[in-house]
Amino acid sequence: MINRITALAATLLLGVAAPAMAQSSMSGSMSSMHDPMVGGAPMYASKNIVQNAVNSKDHTTLVALVKKAGLVDTLEGPGPFTVIAPTNEAFAKLPKATVDKVTSDPALLKKVLTYHVLAGRVTAADIAAKIKAGDGKAELMTLEGEPITATMSGQDIALSGKGGGTAIVTIPNVYQSNGIIHVVNGVLIP
């Protein structure tokens, strides 16, 4: 399955090579960090979401799909946006039929990707506070128009999609010039 996703990413990138970098060894602590490493590359707060994401070895599939969906200009825009960023491994967990269906339908692809974007800068502390205020869970409205549900799993934030899929925030609060990225280990379905 991982080879299939990797091949998909390579095909979609159409020759845009990701730098060969080591995997991030960071876990999902709730603290923010200055220029954290994601996918072996530093994520600079002075760069926008796309400028940073293209350097992450762990997000080549996401970058390829964002390009295919025509969302690059949006995510390079002023925002601010909060991106829930599934890793390549998260995409590799999806059934082949789901991957084929989503990648062959441009409208569905855009819907799934915008389901991973929130308006504004929403930090892990903001999400945790909403969860606490919501008696253990909170709904976060996505740009797609449907909410995702946030709960706590120990010290980590867990997210669930309305149509399925769960994810844990593994690297929170990766600051960008136009928002924040939270790296996750799953893909959410609207």
Foldseek 3Di string as FASTA:
>chain_A
DLVVLVVVLVVLVVPLDADDAAADPAFAAQDADAQHDHQRGTQHLAAFPLVRQSNRVFQSSVNSLCVLLVNPVVRRDQFQKEFAGETSQQVVPDDPVVVVVLSVDSVSSVLQRQLRMAGDAQFPVNLVVQCVVVVFKHWGATPSGGTWIWGDDDNWIKIEAPVGKIWTQTYTFSHYSRYGYGYIHHGYHD
